[in-house]
Amino acid sequence: MKSALTIFLALLLISCKVGTEVFIDIAETYTVSINESGKHTKKYTINPGSEKHAKLVAWLKQNNSDWDPTPASYVPGLVVEGTGFSLNFMRTGVILNCKEGQFTKSVKLEDYEYLLQ
């Protein structure tokens, strides 16, 4: 019985996917927090109409699928916050937190490097 429950939960996690179209709002102002070694170092906003905002919305649209559920906890890196979601960019991965759960996806530095400036 215990192994059946484990298999069921594993299949449930594998089948849970999320799409970023759920929370993309092209008129929303996003907050960016940069953290180093777990300490907050910089915070700023990205306003609609700015180049950074356009790049972020385009990235979210291009990365609408293939998010995998993750139960792990992560130290904040470069965090983008919007209404109902946050993205935590960490070197080669990004963690999405939203009402649907917590998900992860592989990224490259060039995917979000513009947010560090």
C-alpha atoms as a PDB file:
ATOM      1  CA  MET A   1       0.000   0.000   0.000  1.00  0.00           C
ATOM      2  CA  LYS A   2       2.811   2.394   0.888  1.00  0.00           C
ATOM      3  CA  SER A   3       4.555   1.816  -2.462  1.00  0.00           C
ATOM      4  CA  ALA A   4       1.281   2.378  -4.341  1.00  0.00           C
ATOM      5  CA  LEU A   5       0.885   5.746  -2.623  1.00  0.00           C
ATOM      6  CA  THR A   6       4.488   6.661  -3.452  1.00  0.00           C
ATOM      7  CA  ILE A   7       3.957   5.775  -7.120  1.00  0.00           C
ATOM      8  CA  PHE A   8       0.706   7.759  -7.208  1.00  0.00           C
ATOM      9  CA  LEU A   9       2.353  10.850  -5.715  1.00  0.00           C
ATOM     10  CA  ALA A  10       5.301  10.562  -8.116  1.00  0.00           C
ATOM     11  CA  LEU A  11       2.949  10.352 -11.103  1.00  0.00           C
ATOM     12  CA  LEU A  12       0.965  13.298  -9.775  1.00  0.00           C
ATOM     13  CA  LEU A  13       4.125  15.411  -9.514  1.00  0.00           C
ATOM     14  CA  ILE A  14       5.238  14.409 -13.002  1.00  0.00           C
ATOM     15  CA  SER A  15       1.854  15.261 -14.486  1.00  0.00           C
ATOM     16  CA  CYS A  16       1.579  18.676 -12.788  1.00  0.00           C
ATOM     17  CA  LYS A  17       2.674  21.329 -15.218  1.00  0.00           C
ATOM     18  CA  VAL A  18       2.050  25.038 -15.351  1.00  0.00           C
ATOM     19  CA  GLY A  19       2.086  27.585 -18.138  1.00  0.00           C
ATOM     20  CA  THR A  20       3.301  31.137 -17.654  1.00  0.00           C
ATOM     21  CA  GLU A  21       0.322  32.518 -19.586  1.00  0.00           C
ATOM     22  CA  VAL A  22      -1.590  32.143 -16.332  1.00  0.00           C
ATOM     23  CA  PHE A  23       0.041  35.240 -14.831  1.00  0.00           C
ATOM     24  CA  ILE A  24       1.536  37.330 -17.648  1.00  0.00           C
ATOM     25  CA  ASP A  25       0.162  40.858 -17.384  1.00  0.00           C
ATOM     26  CA  ILE A  26       1.805  43.187 -19.880  1.00  0.00           C
ATOM     27  CA  ALA A  27       0.530  46.204 -17.935  1.00  0.00           C
ATOM     28  CA  GLU A  28       1.969  45.123 -14.578  1.00  0.00           C
ATOM     29  CA  THR A  29       4.979  46.694 -12.861  1.00  0.00           C
ATOM     30  CA  TYR A  30       7.386  43.997 -11.642  1.00  0.00           C
ATOM     31  CA  THR A  31       9.770  44.214  -8.684  1.00  0.00           C
ATOM     32  CA  VAL A  32      13.313  42.854  -8.993  1.00  0.00           C
ATOM     33  CA  SER A  33      15.411  41.964  -5.938  1.00  0.00           C
ATOM     34  CA  ILE A  34      19.039  40.934  -6.290  1.00  0.00           C
ATOM     35  CA  ASN A  35      20.477  38.803  -3.508  1.00  0.00           C
ATOM     36  CA  GLU A  36      24.042  37.604  -3.038  1.00  0.00           C
ATOM     37  CA  SER A  37      24.895  34.832  -0.566  1.00  0.00           C
ATOM     38  CA  GLY A  38      21.361  35.073   0.790  1.00  0.00           C
ATOM     39  CA  LYS A  39      21.628  38.825   1.489  1.00  0.00           C
ATOM     40  CA  HIS A  40      19.566  41.489  -0.254  1.00  0.00           C
ATOM     41  CA  THR A  41      21.822  43.849  -2.243  1.00  0.00           C
ATOM     42  CA  LYS A  42      19.591  45.731  -4.693  1.00  0.00           C
ATOM     43  CA  LYS A  43      15.907  46.315  -5.451  1.00  0.00           C
ATOM     44  CA  TYR A  44      14.217  48.107  -8.340  1.00  0.00           C
ATOM     45  CA  THR A  45      11.031  48.072 -10.423  1.00  0.00           C
ATOM     46  CA  ILE A  46      10.447  47.258 -14.067  1.00  0.00           C
ATOM     47  CA  ASN A  47       7.738  49.440 -15.545  1.00  0.00           C
ATOM     48  CA  PRO A  48       5.530  48.639 -18.527  1.00  0.00           C
ATOM     49  CA  GLY A  49       6.918  50.146 -21.718  1.00  0.00           C
ATOM     50  CA  SER A  50      10.548  49.732 -20.644  1.00  0.00           C
ATOM     51  CA  GLU A  51      13.021  47.564 -22.545  1.00  0.00           C
ATOM     52  CA  LYS A  52      13.508  45.269 -19.530  1.00  0.00           C
ATOM     53  CA  HIS A  53       9.751  44.824 -19.170  1.00  0.00           C
ATOM     54  CA  ALA A  54       9.394  43.925 -22.852  1.00  0.00           C
ATOM     55  CA  LYS A  55      12.269  41.421 -22.617  1.00  0.00           C
ATOM     56  CA  LEU A  56      10.830  39.802 -19.495  1.00  0.00           C
ATOM     57  CA  VAL A  57       7.331  39.473 -20.976  1.00  0.00           C
ATOM     58  CA  ALA A  58       8.836  38.039 -24.185  1.00  0.00           C
ATOM     59  CA  TRP A  59      10.878  35.526 -22.140  1.00  0.00           C
ATOM     60  CA  LEU A  60       7.780  34.478 -20.180  1.00  0.00           C
ATOM     61  CA  LYS A  61       5.834  33.961 -23.407  1.00  0.00           C
ATOM     62  CA  GLN A  62       8.699  31.956 -24.967  1.00  0.00           C
ATOM     63  CA  ASN A  63       9.012  29.848 -21.805  1.00  0.00           C
ATOM     64  CA  ASN A  64       5.339  29.118 -21.357  1.00  0.00           C
ATOM     65  CA  SER A  65       5.763  25.356 -21.038  1.00  0.00           C
ATOM     66  CA  ASP A  66       8.077  22.613 -19.778  1.00  0.00           C
ATOM     67  CA  TRP A  67       8.110  23.748 -16.144  1.00  0.00           C
ATOM     68  CA  ASP A  68       8.684  20.853 -13.758  1.00  0.00           C
ATOM     69  CA  PRO A  69       7.331  20.674 -10.201  1.00  0.00           C
ATOM     70  CA  THR A  70       9.893  20.922  -7.416  1.00  0.00           C
ATOM     71  CA  PRO A  71       9.391  20.473  -3.680  1.00  0.00           C
ATOM     72  CA  ALA A  72      12.811  21.882  -2.722  1.00  0.00           C
ATOM     73  CA  SER A  73      13.517  25.181  -0.974  1.00  0.00           C
ATOM     74  CA  TYR A  74      15.839  27.661  -2.663  1.00  0.00           C
ATOM     75  CA  VAL A  75      17.981  30.560  -1.483  1.00  0.00           C
ATOM     76  CA  PRO A  76      16.887  33.775  -3.207  1.00  0.00           C
ATOM     77  CA  GLY A  77      19.018  34.830  -6.168  1.00  0.00           C
ATOM     78  CA  LEU A  78      17.628  37.326  -8.640  1.00  0.00           C
ATOM     79  CA  VAL A  79      13.921  37.449  -7.792  1.00  0.00           C
ATOM     80  CA  VAL A  80      11.239  38.966 -10.018  1.00  0.00           C
ATOM     81  CA  GLU A  81       7.882  39.470  -8.319  1.00  0.00           C
ATOM     82  CA  GLY A  82       4.508  40.176  -9.832  1.00  0.00           C
ATOM     83  CA  THR A  83       0.938  39.767  -8.696  1.00  0.00           C
ATOM     84  CA  GLY A  84       0.518  36.129  -7.750  1.00  0.00           C
ATOM     85  CA  PHE A  85       3.944  34.854  -8.787  1.00  0.00           C
ATOM     86  CA  SER A  86       7.691  35.124  -8.328  1.00  0.00           C
ATOM     87  CA  LEU A  87      10.646  33.961 -10.405  1.00  0.00           C
ATOM     88  CA  ASN A  88      13.915  33.144  -8.662  1.00  0.00           C
ATOM     89  CA  PHE A  89      16.759  33.079 -11.224  1.00  0.00           C
ATOM     90  CA  MET A  90      19.747  31.077  -9.976  1.00  0.00           C
ATOM     91  CA  ARG A  91      22.648  30.530 -12.372  1.00  0.00           C
ATOM     92  CA  THR A  92      21.386  27.635 -14.527  1.00  0.00           C
ATOM     93  CA  GLY A  93      17.826  27.399 -13.239  1.00  0.00           C
ATOM     94  CA  VAL A  94      14.766  29.470 -12.456  1.00  0.00           C
ATOM     95  CA  ILE A  95      12.144  28.669  -9.848  1.00  0.00           C
ATOM     96  CA  LEU A  96       8.567  29.773 -10.388  1.00  0.00           C
ATOM     97  CA  ASN A  97       6.295  30.158  -7.373  1.00  0.00           C
ATOM     98  CA  CYS A  98       2.598  30.703  -8.049  1.00  0.00           C
ATOM     99  CA  LYS A  99      -0.775  29.545  -6.768  1.00  0.00           C
ATOM    100  CA  GLU A 100      -0.430  26.374  -8.833  1.00  0.00           C
ATOM    101  CA  GLY A 101       2.717  25.427  -6.877  1.00  0.00           C
ATOM    102  CA  GLN A 102       6.490  25.629  -7.256  1.00  0.00           C
ATOM    103  CA  PHE A 103       8.164  24.776 -10.554  1.00  0.00           C
ATOM    104  CA  THR A 104      11.630  24.833 -12.056  1.00  0.00           C
ATOM    105  CA  LYS A 105      13.181  25.191 -15.485  1.00  0.00           C
ATOM    106  CA  SER A 106      16.714  25.355 -16.863  1.00  0.00           C
ATOM    107  CA  VAL A 107      18.000  28.754 -18.010  1.00  0.00           C
ATOM    108  CA  LYS A 108      21.185  30.337 -19.279  1.00  0.00           C
ATOM    109  CA  LEU A 109      22.685  33.512 -17.844  1.00  0.00           C
ATOM    110  CA  GLU A 110      21.949  35.350 -21.095  1.00  0.00           C
ATOM    111  CA  ASP A 111      18.218  34.653 -20.517  1.00  0.00           C
ATOM    112  CA  TYR A 112      18.154  37.043 -17.554  1.00  0.00           C
ATOM    113  CA  GLU A 113      21.507  38.888 -17.533  1.00  0.00           C
ATOM    114  CA  TYR A 114      19.803  42.163 -18.495  1.00  0.00           C
ATOM    115  CA  LEU A 115      17.986  42.076 -15.128  1.00  0.00           C
ATOM    116  CA  LEU A 116      21.302  42.220 -13.239  1.00  0.00           C
ATOM    117  CA  GLN A 117      22.095  45.700 -14.575  1.00  0.00           C
END
